[in-house]
C-alpha cells in the first residue's frame, strides 16, 4: 500500500491483485459483490480462459473445462488494522457454499480442507462477527484485474458454475426405518442388513426373541 498524493482523497491505496486462498492459513474477507465466472481450458501447460465458442480453437474448446469465479473483496491485513481490496479467486466448491446468498457486506473465513492432495478443496464459514466489515464498502469491477492475470482481454465473462446444487434430505431415525425385506438369492447381504437394522433398533443389541425367530426360520 502507498499513501495518496497530496490533494487527492485521504488514505492509502493498494494495487488490486488476484487473491488465492492459501494452503495452510485462514483468510478473512468482506465481500463487495458476487463472483463473476468464466470457463478455462488447460492448454500448453497452463489454464487459459475461454474467449467464446466462435473465438476459441476448436480442438481446445472441445476439451475439458474448469469454472473459475472472481469476486470483489476486502481482506483483513496481517495486523488486522486494515481491509485491503483484492479480487478473490472462487473455486467451484467455494461457489457452492456461497450460492444463493446476497454476499455484499458479508464477512467470511476461508480455508482449505486438510488432506494430502496437491490441490485442496476450498471451504468457507460465515464469520460470527459481521460488525467487523469495513464501512463504507465500495464494490468495483473485477474484469480488468482478471484480464491482467491472464494477459488477454478476450475473456467471455458470465459463465455459471456447472456444478448442480447439492441434494439435502432429512436423516431418518432408526425407529422410523423398516427392516429390510427378504430378497432371495442374497443370503449373506440379507443377513448382514437385517442384523444391522436390529442393532440400530435395539440400541446396539439384538434381543433373544428376534435371534430365536431367525434361527427357527433358517431350519
Protein backbone atom coordinates (compact mmCIF):
# COMPACT_ATOMS: atom_id res chain seq x y z
CA UNK A 1 0.00 0.00 0.00
CA UNK A 2 1.08 3.59 -0.57
CA UNK A 3 -0.22 6.98 0.51
CA UNK A 4 -2.12 9.12 -1.94
CA UNK A 5 -0.52 12.24 -3.33
CA UNK A 6 -1.33 15.49 -1.60
CA UNK A 7 -4.63 16.93 -2.78
CA UNK A 8 -6.19 13.56 -3.60
CA UNK A 9 -8.60 11.60 -1.42
CA UNK A 10 -7.15 10.91 2.00
CA UNK A 11 -5.94 7.43 2.95
CA UNK A 12 -3.56 4.85 1.49
CA UNK A 13 -4.17 2.94 -1.74
CA UNK A 14 -3.30 -0.58 -2.86
CA UNK A 15 -2.92 -2.21 -6.25
CA UNK A 16 -5.83 -4.62 -6.74
CA UNK A 17 -4.49 -8.12 -7.32
CA UNK A 18 -5.93 -11.64 -7.52
CA UNK A 19 -6.14 -13.30 -4.11
CA UNK A 20 -5.95 -17.10 -3.77
CA UNK A 21 -6.91 -18.88 -0.54
CA UNK A 22 -3.60 -20.10 0.95
CA UNK A 23 -2.90 -23.76 1.63
CA UNK A 24 -2.07 -23.56 5.34
CA UNK A 25 -3.73 -20.40 6.66
CA UNK A 26 -7.18 -18.91 7.05
CA UNK A 27 -8.28 -15.84 5.13
CA UNK A 28 -10.90 -13.34 6.36
CA UNK A 29 -12.65 -11.39 3.61
CA UNK A 30 -15.57 -8.99 3.32
CA UNK A 31 -17.43 -9.42 0.04
CA UNK A 32 -18.13 -6.31 -2.05
CA UNK A 33 -20.15 -8.27 -4.62
CA UNK A 34 -20.85 -11.67 -6.11
CA UNK A 35 -18.33 -13.65 -8.18
CA UNK A 36 -18.14 -13.26 -11.95
CA UNK A 37 -17.50 -16.59 -13.66
CA UNK A 38 -15.51 -17.81 -16.63
CA UNK A 39 -14.59 -21.16 -18.17
CA UNK A 40 -10.97 -22.09 -18.70
CA UNK A 41 -9.21 -24.77 -20.76
CA UNK A 42 -5.91 -26.46 -19.95
CA UNK A 43 -3.71 -25.65 -22.94
CA UNK A 44 0.07 -25.89 -23.38
CA UNK A 45 0.76 -26.42 -19.71
CA UNK A 46 -1.42 -23.74 -18.20
CA UNK A 47 -5.01 -22.63 -17.69
CA UNK A 48 -6.37 -20.31 -20.37
CA UNK A 49 -9.75 -18.53 -20.27
CA UNK A 50 -12.23 -19.41 -23.00
CA UNK A 51 -12.91 -16.44 -25.32
CA UNK A 52 -16.18 -17.99 -26.51
CA UNK A 53 -17.04 -20.72 -29.00
CA UNK A 54 -16.51 -18.58 -32.10
CA UNK A 55 -13.07 -17.35 -31.00
CA UNK A 56 -11.76 -20.43 -29.22
CA UNK A 57 -9.59 -23.00 -31.01
CA UNK A 58 -11.96 -25.85 -31.94
CA UNK A 59 -9.77 -28.68 -30.66
CA UNK A 60 -9.24 -26.86 -27.37
CA UNK A 61 -12.87 -25.85 -26.99
CA UNK A 62 -13.96 -29.49 -27.25
CA UNK A 63 -11.75 -30.42 -24.30
CA UNK A 64 -12.48 -30.31 -20.60
CA UNK A 65 -13.22 -27.00 -18.94
CA UNK A 66 -12.84 -25.71 -15.39
CA UNK A 67 -15.00 -22.96 -13.89
CA UNK A 68 -13.40 -20.07 -12.01
CA UNK A 69 -15.12 -17.19 -10.30
CA UNK A 70 -13.66 -13.83 -9.32
CA UNK A 71 -15.26 -11.69 -6.64
CA UNK A 72 -14.51 -8.17 -5.34
CA UNK A 73 -13.46 -8.42 -1.70
CA UNK A 74 -11.57 -6.65 1.05
CA UNK A 75 -9.30 -8.90 3.07
CA UNK A 76 -8.08 -8.32 6.61
CA UNK A 77 -4.40 -7.41 6.72
CA UNK A 78 -1.97 -9.44 8.83
CA UNK A 79 -2.15 -6.96 11.70
CA UNK A 80 -5.96 -6.71 11.34
CA UNK A 81 -5.70 -2.92 11.16
CA UNK A 82 -6.74 -2.53 7.51
CA UNK A 83 -9.01 -4.03 4.87
CA UNK A 84 -7.18 -4.33 1.55
CA UNK A 85 -9.11 -4.51 -1.77
CA UNK A 86 -8.49 -7.60 -3.91
CA UNK A 87 -10.10 -9.93 -6.44
CA UNK A 88 -10.78 -13.29 -4.80
CA UNK A 89 -10.43 -16.46 -6.88
CA UNK A 90 -13.56 -18.54 -6.19
CA UNK A 91 -13.37 -22.27 -6.88
CA UNK A 92 -16.31 -24.45 -7.88
CA UNK A 93 -16.56 -25.90 -4.37
CA UNK A 94 -16.48 -22.49 -2.68
CA UNK A 95 -19.10 -21.12 -5.06
CA UNK A 96 -21.44 -23.92 -3.97
CA UNK A 97 -21.11 -22.68 -0.39
CA UNK A 98 -21.69 -19.05 -1.37
CA UNK A 99 -24.51 -19.77 -3.84
CA UNK A 100 -27.97 -18.20 -3.35
CA UNK A 101 -26.67 -15.56 -0.91
CA UNK A 102 -26.56 -11.78 -1.05
CA UNK A 103 -22.83 -11.55 -0.37
CA UNK A 104 -22.50 -7.77 -0.32
CA UNK A 105 -21.09 -6.81 3.09
CA UNK A 106 -20.83 -10.36 4.43
CA UNK A 107 -17.61 -11.39 6.20
CA UNK A 108 -16.35 -14.94 5.62
CA UNK A 109 -13.45 -17.01 6.89
CA UNK A 110 -11.98 -19.04 4.02
CA UNK A 111 -9.62 -22.01 4.24
CA UNK A 112 -8.53 -25.18 2.51
CA UNK A 113 -9.71 -28.50 3.89
CA UNK A 114 -6.94 -30.75 5.24
CA UNK A 115 -5.57 -33.52 3.07
CA UNK A 116 -2.59 -34.74 1.10
CA UNK A 117 -3.76 -33.84 -2.37
CA UNK A 118 -1.84 -31.29 -4.39
CA UNK A 119 -4.97 -29.14 -4.72
CA UNK A 120 -7.06 -28.99 -1.55
CA UNK A 121 -10.76 -28.16 -1.57
CA UNK A 122 -11.58 -24.55 -0.62
CA UNK A 123 -14.29 -24.09 2.02
CA UNK A 124 -15.72 -21.17 3.93
CA UNK A 125 -17.69 -20.22 7.04
CA UNK A 126 -19.78 -17.14 7.68
CA UNK A 127 -17.90 -15.08 10.26
CA UNK A 128 -19.72 -14.69 13.58
CA UNK A 129 -18.56 -11.07 13.90
CA UNK A 130 -20.34 -9.40 10.97
CA UNK A 131 -19.85 -5.98 12.56
CA UNK A 132 -16.16 -6.01 11.68
CA UNK A 133 -16.81 -5.39 7.98
CA UNK A 134 -15.37 -2.10 6.68
CA UNK A 135 -17.74 0.83 6.11
CA UNK A 136 -18.46 2.12 3.57
CA UNK A 137 -17.90 -0.95 1.44
CA UNK A 138 -17.34 0.02 -2.20
CA UNK A 139 -17.76 -2.52 -4.95
CA UNK A 140 -15.52 -2.48 -8.03
CA UNK A 141 -15.18 -4.16 -11.41
CA UNK A 142 -13.05 -7.30 -11.26
CA UNK A 143 -12.68 -7.75 -15.02
CA UNK A 144 -9.62 -5.52 -15.60
CA UNK A 145 -7.68 -7.36 -12.88
CA UNK A 146 -8.67 -10.76 -14.28
CA UNK A 147 -7.65 -9.68 -17.78
CA UNK A 148 -4.25 -8.66 -16.44
CA UNK A 149 -3.94 -12.05 -14.72
CA UNK A 150 -4.47 -13.94 -18.00
CA UNK A 151 -2.74 -11.33 -20.20
CA UNK A 152 -5.73 -11.04 -22.51
CA UNK A 153 -8.93 -9.06 -22.91
CA UNK A 154 -10.60 -11.88 -24.88
CA UNK A 155 -12.47 -13.48 -21.98
CA UNK A 156 -16.11 -14.48 -22.02
CA UNK A 157 -17.36 -13.48 -18.57
CA UNK A 158 -20.68 -14.51 -17.09
CA UNK A 159 -20.28 -18.30 -17.12
CA UNK A 160 -22.25 -20.19 -14.49
CA UNK A 161 -20.74 -22.87 -12.28
CA UNK A 162 -21.83 -26.15 -13.96
CA UNK A 163 -21.86 -28.00 -10.63
CA UNK A 164 -25.52 -28.50 -9.61
CA UNK A 165 -26.83 -27.83 -6.13
CA UNK A 166 -26.09 -30.48 -3.53
CA UNK A 167 -29.17 -32.52 -2.64
CA UNK A 168 -30.05 -32.33 1.07
CA UNK A 169 -32.50 -34.84 2.56
CA UNK A 170 -33.68 -35.44 6.16
CA UNK A 171 -31.85 -38.06 8.20
CA UNK A 172 -34.17 -40.88 9.31
CA UNK A 173 -34.12 -42.19 12.86
CA UNK A 174 -33.71 -45.92 13.37
CA UNK A 175 -37.25 -46.10 14.83
CA UNK A 176 -38.67 -44.67 11.57
CA UNK A 177 -36.94 -47.19 9.31
CA UNK A 178 -38.43 -50.51 8.33
CA UNK A 179 -36.45 -53.73 8.50
CA UNK A 180 -35.02 -54.71 5.08
CA UNK A 181 -37.26 -57.11 3.18
CA UNK A 182 -36.07 -60.62 2.42
CA UNK A 183 -34.50 -60.92 -1.01
CA UNK A 184 -33.97 -64.43 -2.40
CA UNK A 185 -30.54 -65.17 -3.73
CA UNK A 186 -28.70 -62.78 -1.41
CA UNK A 187 -28.46 -64.65 1.90
CA UNK A 188 -25.22 -63.08 3.13
CA UNK A 189 -26.14 -59.48 2.28
CA UNK A 190 -29.69 -60.03 3.57
CA UNK A 191 -28.47 -61.38 6.91
CA UNK A 192 -25.98 -58.52 7.32
CA UNK A 193 -28.62 -55.90 6.55
CA UNK A 194 -31.13 -57.39 8.97
CA UNK A 195 -28.55 -57.68 11.74
CA UNK A 196 -27.55 -54.04 11.26
CA UNK A 197 -31.18 -52.95 11.44
CA UNK A 198 -31.80 -54.96 14.61
CA UNK A 199 -28.71 -53.46 16.29
CA UNK A 200 -29.90 -49.94 15.46
CA UNK A 201 -33.45 -50.73 16.53
CA UNK A 202 -32.45 -52.17 19.91
CA UNK A 203 -29.67 -49.81 20.89
CA UNK A 204 -26.87 -51.96 19.59
CA UNK A 205 -28.02 -55.42 20.66
CA UNK A 206 -30.48 -57.90 19.22
CA UNK A 207 -32.95 -59.36 21.70
CA UNK A 208 -33.33 -63.07 22.27
CA UNK A 209 -36.73 -63.49 20.64
CA UNK A 210 -35.56 -61.98 17.36
CA UNK A 211 -32.44 -64.16 17.33
CA UNK A 212 -34.52 -67.28 18.05
CA UNK A 213 -37.06 -66.33 15.38
CA UNK A 214 -34.31 -66.07 12.76
CA UNK A 215 -32.70 -69.30 13.94
CA UNK A 216 -36.02 -71.14 13.73
CA UNK A 217 -36.79 -69.76 10.28
CA UNK A 218 -33.43 -70.93 8.96
CA UNK A 219 -34.20 -74.62 9.64
